[in-house]
Amino acid sequence: MTDKKSTMRAQFITTAAGDRLAVIPESEYNLLIEALENRADAEAVRVFQQRLAAGEEELMPAEFANRIIDGESKIKAWREFRGITARQLAENAEISAGFLLQIEKGERDGSFETIKKIAAALEISVDDLA
């Protein structure tokens, strides 16, 4: 963004309560908002990169993310991304393989406790399965 300070036009108004307000053209207001949004976006990327480097975040390849976007079971996509079978995931989550497959197919809903176990076995948060 170019330096707009020198060209910014502002009118100052004092309210009856004594508050001093600055009034600027909408186009300049929009430039300020854009600059703030860009700064916030840059900060979010920086924080994500730090969390990624610390092992607190994980990137899922587009192949698996697109399957989730297309409506496939999040559990199945994460399981296959992790490279484990349904039987292995079921054992790690301490549920039956049949029940897991029914959840993956959308035939049954798992309780919150079951979803917590599955998420833990996949080493992801429950939010990743929501």
N, C-alpha and C. Protein backbone atom coordinates (compact mmCIF):
# COMPACT_ATOMS: atom_id res chain seq x y z
N MET A 1 0.85 -1.18 0.00
CA MET A 1 0.00 0.00 0.00
C MET A 1 0.89 1.23 0.00
N THR A 2 0.56 2.20 -0.83
CA THR A 2 1.34 3.44 -0.86
C THR A 2 1.00 4.27 0.36
N ASP A 3 1.85 5.21 0.65
CA ASP A 3 1.66 6.07 1.81
C ASP A 3 0.49 7.01 1.54
N LYS A 4 -0.62 6.77 2.21
CA LYS A 4 -1.82 7.59 2.00
C LYS A 4 -1.94 8.68 3.05
N LYS A 5 -1.05 8.70 4.05
CA LYS A 5 -1.16 9.68 5.12
C LYS A 5 -1.08 11.11 4.58
N SER A 6 -0.19 11.31 3.65
CA SER A 6 0.02 12.67 3.16
C SER A 6 -1.13 13.16 2.28
N THR A 7 -1.91 12.24 1.70
CA THR A 7 -2.99 12.66 0.81
C THR A 7 -4.37 12.45 1.42
N MET A 8 -4.45 11.87 2.60
CA MET A 8 -5.74 11.59 3.21
C MET A 8 -6.41 12.90 3.63
N ARG A 9 -7.67 12.99 3.27
CA ARG A 9 -8.46 14.16 3.64
C ARG A 9 -9.37 13.77 4.78
N ALA A 10 -9.35 14.53 5.84
CA ALA A 10 -10.20 14.24 6.99
C ALA A 10 -10.82 15.52 7.50
N GLN A 11 -12.02 15.37 7.99
CA GLN A 11 -12.72 16.48 8.64
C GLN A 11 -12.93 16.04 10.08
N PHE A 12 -12.66 16.94 11.01
CA PHE A 12 -12.79 16.60 12.42
C PHE A 12 -14.03 17.29 12.98
N ILE A 13 -14.80 16.53 13.72
CA ILE A 13 -16.04 17.02 14.31
C ILE A 13 -16.00 16.71 15.80
N THR A 14 -16.45 17.66 16.60
CA THR A 14 -16.56 17.42 18.03
C THR A 14 -18.03 17.28 18.37
N THR A 15 -18.38 16.18 19.01
CA THR A 15 -19.78 15.92 19.36
C THR A 15 -20.17 16.74 20.59
N ALA A 16 -21.45 16.76 20.89
CA ALA A 16 -21.95 17.47 22.07
C ALA A 16 -21.36 16.88 23.35
N ALA A 17 -21.03 15.57 23.31
CA ALA A 17 -20.44 14.91 24.48
C ALA A 17 -18.94 15.16 24.58
N GLY A 18 -18.38 15.86 23.59
CA GLY A 18 -16.96 16.18 23.63
C GLY A 18 -16.07 15.18 22.90
N ASP A 19 -16.67 14.15 22.29
CA ASP A 19 -15.87 13.19 21.51
C ASP A 19 -15.44 13.83 20.21
N ARG A 20 -14.19 13.62 19.86
CA ARG A 20 -13.66 14.15 18.60
C ARG A 20 -13.69 13.03 17.56
N LEU A 21 -14.39 13.27 16.44
CA LEU A 21 -14.56 12.28 15.38
C LEU A 21 -13.83 12.74 14.13
N ALA A 22 -13.26 11.77 13.43
CA ALA A 22 -12.63 12.05 12.14
C ALA A 22 -13.52 11.48 11.05
N VAL A 23 -13.84 12.29 10.07
CA VAL A 23 -14.66 11.87 8.94
C VAL A 23 -13.76 11.87 7.71
N ILE A 24 -13.73 10.71 7.02
CA ILE A 24 -12.88 10.59 5.84
C ILE A 24 -13.73 10.09 4.68
N PRO A 25 -13.29 10.32 3.45
CA PRO A 25 -14.03 9.80 2.30
C PRO A 25 -14.12 8.27 2.35
N GLU A 26 -15.21 7.72 1.84
CA GLU A 26 -15.41 6.27 1.87
C GLU A 26 -14.30 5.52 1.16
N SER A 27 -13.80 6.05 0.08
CA SER A 27 -12.72 5.37 -0.65
C SER A 27 -11.48 5.23 0.23
N GLU A 28 -11.19 6.24 1.03
CA GLU A 28 -10.03 6.17 1.93
C GLU A 28 -10.32 5.23 3.09
N TYR A 29 -11.55 5.23 3.58
CA TYR A 29 -11.95 4.29 4.62
C TYR A 29 -11.76 2.85 4.12
N ASN A 30 -12.21 2.59 2.88
CA ASN A 30 -12.07 1.25 2.31
C ASN A 30 -10.61 0.84 2.19
N LEU A 31 -9.73 1.77 1.85
CA LEU A 31 -8.29 1.48 1.79
C LEU A 31 -7.76 1.10 3.17
N LEU A 32 -8.20 1.81 4.19
CA LEU A 32 -7.77 1.49 5.56
C LEU A 32 -8.25 0.11 5.99
N ILE A 33 -9.50 -0.20 5.68
CA ILE A 33 -10.05 -1.52 6.02
C ILE A 33 -9.28 -2.62 5.29
N GLU A 34 -9.00 -2.41 4.02
CA GLU A 34 -8.23 -3.39 3.25
C GLU A 34 -6.85 -3.61 3.85
N ALA A 35 -6.20 -2.53 4.24
CA ALA A 35 -4.88 -2.64 4.85
C ALA A 35 -4.94 -3.42 6.16
N LEU A 36 -5.96 -3.17 6.98
CA LEU A 36 -6.13 -3.89 8.24
C LEU A 36 -6.40 -5.37 8.00
N GLU A 37 -7.24 -5.66 7.01
CA GLU A 37 -7.54 -7.06 6.69
C GLU A 37 -6.29 -7.78 6.19
N ASN A 38 -5.50 -7.11 5.36
CA ASN A 38 -4.25 -7.70 4.87
C ASN A 38 -3.30 -7.98 6.02
N ARG A 39 -3.25 -7.06 6.95
CA ARG A 39 -2.37 -7.24 8.12
C ARG A 39 -2.85 -8.40 8.98
N ALA A 40 -4.17 -8.50 9.17
CA ALA A 40 -4.73 -9.60 9.95
C ALA A 40 -4.49 -10.94 9.25
N ASP A 41 -4.64 -10.96 7.92
CA ASP A 41 -4.38 -12.18 7.16
C ASP A 41 -2.92 -12.60 7.30
N ALA A 42 -2.02 -11.64 7.19
CA ALA A 42 -0.60 -11.94 7.32
C ALA A 42 -0.28 -12.49 8.71
N GLU A 43 -0.91 -11.93 9.72
CA GLU A 43 -0.69 -12.41 11.10
C GLU A 43 -1.23 -13.83 11.26
N ALA A 44 -2.38 -14.12 10.68
CA ALA A 44 -2.96 -15.46 10.77
C ALA A 44 -2.05 -16.48 10.09
N VAL A 45 -1.50 -16.13 8.95
CA VAL A 45 -0.56 -17.02 8.24
C VAL A 45 0.68 -17.23 9.09
N ARG A 46 1.21 -16.18 9.69
CA ARG A 46 2.40 -16.29 10.52
C ARG A 46 2.16 -17.23 11.70
N VAL A 47 1.01 -17.08 12.36
CA VAL A 47 0.68 -17.93 13.50
C VAL A 47 0.52 -19.38 13.05
N PHE A 48 -0.15 -19.58 11.91
CA PHE A 48 -0.32 -20.94 11.40
C PHE A 48 1.04 -21.56 11.08
N GLN A 49 1.92 -20.82 10.47
CA GLN A 49 3.25 -21.34 10.14
C GLN A 49 4.02 -21.71 11.41
N GLN A 50 3.89 -20.91 12.45
CA GLN A 50 4.54 -21.23 13.72
C GLN A 50 3.97 -22.52 14.31
N ARG A 51 2.64 -22.64 14.28
CA ARG A 51 2.00 -23.85 14.81
C ARG A 51 2.37 -25.07 13.99
N LEU A 52 2.49 -24.89 12.68
CA LEU A 52 2.88 -25.98 11.80
C LEU A 52 4.30 -26.44 12.12
N ALA A 53 5.20 -25.48 12.28
CA ALA A 53 6.59 -25.79 12.60
C ALA A 53 6.72 -26.46 13.97
N ALA A 54 5.83 -26.11 14.89
CA ALA A 54 5.87 -26.70 16.24
C ALA A 54 5.15 -28.04 16.30
N GLY A 55 4.58 -28.47 15.18
CA GLY A 55 3.86 -29.74 15.15
C GLY A 55 2.46 -29.66 15.72
N GLU A 56 1.96 -28.45 15.89
CA GLU A 56 0.61 -28.26 16.45
C GLU A 56 -0.46 -28.23 15.37
N GLU A 57 -0.06 -28.12 14.13
CA GLU A 57 -0.97 -28.10 12.98
C GLU A 57 -0.46 -29.10 11.96
N GLU A 58 -1.35 -29.51 11.09
CA GLU A 58 -0.99 -30.49 10.07
C GLU A 58 -1.67 -30.11 8.76
N LEU A 59 -0.97 -30.32 7.67
CA LEU A 59 -1.55 -30.07 6.36
C LEU A 59 -2.01 -31.40 5.77
N MET A 60 -3.22 -31.40 5.26
CA MET A 60 -3.75 -32.58 4.59
C MET A 60 -3.63 -32.34 3.09
N PRO A 61 -3.10 -33.31 2.34
CA PRO A 61 -3.00 -33.14 0.89
C PRO A 61 -4.37 -32.90 0.26
N ALA A 62 -4.38 -32.16 -0.84
CA ALA A 62 -5.62 -31.79 -1.52
C ALA A 62 -6.44 -33.02 -1.89
N GLU A 63 -5.80 -34.11 -2.24
CA GLU A 63 -6.51 -35.33 -2.62
C GLU A 63 -7.50 -35.75 -1.53
N PHE A 64 -7.07 -35.68 -0.27
CA PHE A 64 -7.93 -36.08 0.84
C PHE A 64 -8.88 -34.95 1.23
N ALA A 65 -8.40 -33.73 1.24
CA ALA A 65 -9.26 -32.59 1.58
C ALA A 65 -10.41 -32.47 0.59
N ASN A 66 -10.13 -32.68 -0.68
CA ASN A 66 -11.20 -32.59 -1.69
C ASN A 66 -12.25 -33.68 -1.50
N ARG A 67 -11.83 -34.84 -1.05
CA ARG A 67 -12.80 -35.90 -0.77
C ARG A 67 -13.77 -35.46 0.33
N ILE A 68 -13.24 -34.80 1.35
CA ILE A 68 -14.10 -34.30 2.43
C ILE A 68 -15.02 -33.20 1.90
N ILE A 69 -14.45 -32.29 1.11
CA ILE A 69 -15.26 -31.21 0.52
C ILE A 69 -16.37 -31.78 -0.34
N ASP A 70 -16.08 -32.88 -1.04
CA ASP A 70 -17.07 -33.51 -1.91
C ASP A 70 -18.10 -34.34 -1.14
N GLY A 71 -18.01 -34.37 0.20
CA GLY A 71 -19.01 -35.01 1.01
C GLY A 71 -18.67 -36.40 1.52
N GLU A 72 -17.47 -36.88 1.24
CA GLU A 72 -17.08 -38.20 1.75
C GLU A 72 -16.90 -38.13 3.26
N SER A 73 -17.01 -39.25 3.91
CA SER A 73 -16.84 -39.34 5.36
C SER A 73 -15.48 -38.77 5.77
N LYS A 74 -15.51 -37.84 6.72
CA LYS A 74 -14.26 -37.28 7.24
C LYS A 74 -13.43 -38.35 7.92
N ILE A 75 -14.10 -39.24 8.62
CA ILE A 75 -13.38 -40.32 9.31
C ILE A 75 -12.65 -41.19 8.29
N LYS A 76 -13.34 -41.56 7.23
CA LYS A 76 -12.72 -42.42 6.21
C LYS A 76 -11.55 -41.71 5.53
N ALA A 77 -11.75 -40.43 5.19
CA ALA A 77 -10.67 -39.69 4.52
C ALA A 77 -9.45 -39.57 5.44
N TRP A 78 -9.67 -39.23 6.71
CA TRP A 78 -8.56 -39.13 7.66
C TRP A 78 -7.90 -40.49 7.87
N ARG A 79 -8.72 -41.55 7.96
CA ARG A 79 -8.17 -42.88 8.16
C ARG A 79 -7.27 -43.28 7.00
N GLU A 80 -7.75 -43.06 5.78
CA GLU A 80 -6.96 -43.41 4.62
C GLU A 80 -5.73 -42.51 4.47
N PHE A 81 -5.87 -41.24 4.86
CA PHE A 81 -4.72 -40.35 4.87
C PHE A 81 -3.65 -40.87 5.83
N ARG A 82 -4.09 -41.40 6.96
CA ARG A 82 -3.16 -41.96 7.95
C ARG A 82 -2.60 -43.31 7.51
N GLY A 83 -3.23 -43.90 6.48
CA GLY A 83 -2.74 -45.17 5.97
C GLY A 83 -3.06 -46.36 6.85
N ILE A 84 -4.22 -46.30 7.53
CA ILE A 84 -4.60 -47.42 8.39
C ILE A 84 -5.93 -48.01 7.92
N THR A 85 -6.12 -49.26 8.23
CA THR A 85 -7.35 -49.94 7.86
C THR A 85 -8.46 -49.59 8.85
N ALA A 86 -9.68 -49.90 8.44
CA ALA A 86 -10.82 -49.69 9.34
C ALA A 86 -10.65 -50.56 10.59
N ARG A 87 -10.17 -51.77 10.41
CA ARG A 87 -9.98 -52.66 11.56
C ARG A 87 -8.96 -52.06 12.54
N GLN A 88 -7.85 -51.52 12.02
CA GLN A 88 -6.84 -50.92 12.90
C GLN A 88 -7.41 -49.72 13.64
N LEU A 89 -8.14 -48.86 12.92
CA LEU A 89 -8.73 -47.68 13.57
C LEU A 89 -9.73 -48.11 14.64
N ALA A 90 -10.56 -49.09 14.32
CA ALA A 90 -11.55 -49.57 15.28
C ALA A 90 -10.86 -50.11 16.54
N GLU A 91 -9.81 -50.87 16.36
CA GLU A 91 -9.08 -51.41 17.51
C GLU A 91 -8.50 -50.27 18.35
N ASN A 92 -7.89 -49.30 17.69
CA ASN A 92 -7.28 -48.17 18.41
C ASN A 92 -8.33 -47.32 19.12
N ALA A 93 -9.54 -47.25 18.54
CA ALA A 93 -10.62 -46.46 19.15
C ALA A 93 -11.45 -47.30 20.11
N GLU A 94 -11.13 -48.58 20.20
CA GLU A 94 -11.84 -49.50 21.10
C GLU A 94 -13.32 -49.59 20.78
N ILE A 95 -13.62 -49.72 19.46
CA ILE A 95 -14.99 -49.96 19.00
C ILE A 95 -14.92 -51.10 17.99
N SER A 96 -16.07 -51.63 17.62
CA SER A 96 -16.05 -52.72 16.64
C SER A 96 -15.83 -52.16 15.24
N ALA A 97 -15.20 -52.97 14.40
CA ALA A 97 -14.94 -52.56 13.02
C ALA A 97 -16.26 -52.34 12.29
N GLY A 98 -17.26 -53.18 12.58
CA GLY A 98 -18.56 -53.03 11.94
C GLY A 98 -19.21 -51.70 12.29
N PHE A 99 -19.13 -51.31 13.55
CA PHE A 99 -19.69 -50.04 13.99
C PHE A 99 -18.97 -48.88 13.30
N LEU A 100 -17.64 -48.96 13.22
CA LEU A 100 -16.86 -47.92 12.55
C LEU A 100 -17.30 -47.78 11.09
N LEU A 101 -17.43 -48.91 10.41
CA LEU A 101 -17.83 -48.84 9.00
C LEU A 101 -19.23 -48.25 8.84
N GLN A 102 -20.12 -48.55 9.78
CA GLN A 102 -21.46 -47.96 9.72
C GLN A 102 -21.39 -46.45 9.92
N ILE A 103 -20.52 -46.00 10.80
CA ILE A 103 -20.34 -44.55 11.01
C ILE A 103 -19.76 -43.93 9.74
N GLU A 104 -18.74 -44.56 9.18
CA GLU A 104 -18.12 -44.03 7.96
C GLU A 104 -19.13 -43.93 6.81
N LYS A 105 -20.03 -44.89 6.71
CA LYS A 105 -21.02 -44.91 5.63
C LYS A 105 -22.22 -43.99 5.91
N GLY A 106 -22.27 -43.45 7.11
CA GLY A 106 -23.39 -42.58 7.48
C GLY A 106 -24.64 -43.36 7.86
N GLU A 107 -24.49 -44.66 8.09
CA GLU A 107 -25.63 -45.48 8.46
C GLU A 107 -25.99 -45.33 9.94
N ARG A 108 -24.99 -44.98 10.76
CA ARG A 108 -25.21 -44.77 12.19
C ARG A 108 -24.40 -43.56 12.62
N ASP A 109 -24.88 -42.93 13.67
CA ASP A 109 -24.14 -41.83 14.28
C ASP A 109 -23.40 -42.36 15.48
N GLY A 110 -22.20 -41.91 15.65
CA GLY A 110 -21.47 -42.27 16.86
C GLY A 110 -21.75 -41.25 17.95
N SER A 111 -21.73 -41.70 19.18
CA SER A 111 -21.90 -40.77 20.29
C SER A 111 -20.69 -39.84 20.34
N PHE A 112 -20.81 -38.80 21.12
CA PHE A 112 -19.68 -37.87 21.26
C PHE A 112 -18.46 -38.60 21.79
N GLU A 113 -18.68 -39.50 22.74
CA GLU A 113 -17.56 -40.27 23.31
C GLU A 113 -16.89 -41.13 22.24
N THR A 114 -17.70 -41.75 21.38
CA THR A 114 -17.15 -42.58 20.30
C THR A 114 -16.34 -41.72 19.33
N ILE A 115 -16.89 -40.56 18.97
CA ILE A 115 -16.18 -39.66 18.04
C ILE A 115 -14.89 -39.17 18.68
N LYS A 116 -14.89 -38.91 19.97
CA LYS A 116 -13.66 -38.52 20.68
C LYS A 116 -12.62 -39.62 20.59
N LYS A 117 -13.03 -40.87 20.76
CA LYS A 117 -12.11 -41.99 20.66
C LYS A 117 -11.54 -42.13 19.25
N ILE A 118 -12.40 -41.98 18.27
CA ILE A 118 -11.95 -42.07 16.87
C ILE A 118 -10.97 -40.94 16.57
N ALA A 119 -11.30 -39.72 16.98
CA ALA A 119 -10.42 -38.57 16.75
C ALA A 119 -9.06 -38.81 17.42
N ALA A 120 -9.07 -39.28 18.64
CA ALA A 120 -7.81 -39.55 19.35
C ALA A 120 -7.00 -40.61 18.62
N ALA A 121 -7.67 -41.66 18.13
CA ALA A 121 -6.97 -42.71 17.41
C ALA A 121 -6.38 -42.20 16.09
N LEU A 122 -7.04 -41.20 15.50
CA LEU A 122 -6.54 -40.59 14.25
C LEU A 122 -5.54 -39.47 14.51
N GLU A 123 -5.35 -39.13 15.80
CA GLU A 123 -4.46 -38.05 16.22
C GLU A 123 -4.89 -36.70 15.63
N ILE A 124 -6.21 -36.45 15.72
CA ILE A 124 -6.78 -35.18 15.29
C ILE A 124 -7.74 -34.71 16.38
N SER A 125 -8.24 -33.49 16.23
CA SER A 125 -9.21 -32.98 17.20
C SER A 125 -10.62 -33.40 16.77
N VAL A 126 -11.52 -33.39 17.72
CA VAL A 126 -12.92 -33.68 17.43
C VAL A 126 -13.43 -32.67 16.39
N ASP A 127 -12.95 -31.44 16.46
CA ASP A 127 -13.37 -30.40 15.52
C ASP A 127 -13.06 -30.81 14.07
N ASP A 128 -12.00 -31.58 13.86
CA ASP A 128 -11.66 -32.02 12.51
C ASP A 128 -12.68 -32.99 11.96
N LEU A 129 -13.48 -33.58 12.82
CA LEU A 129 -14.51 -34.52 12.38
C LEU A 129 -15.91 -33.90 12.38
N ALA A 130 -16.02 -32.66 12.86
CA ALA A 130 -17.33 -31.99 12.93
C ALA A 130 -17.79 -31.53 11.57
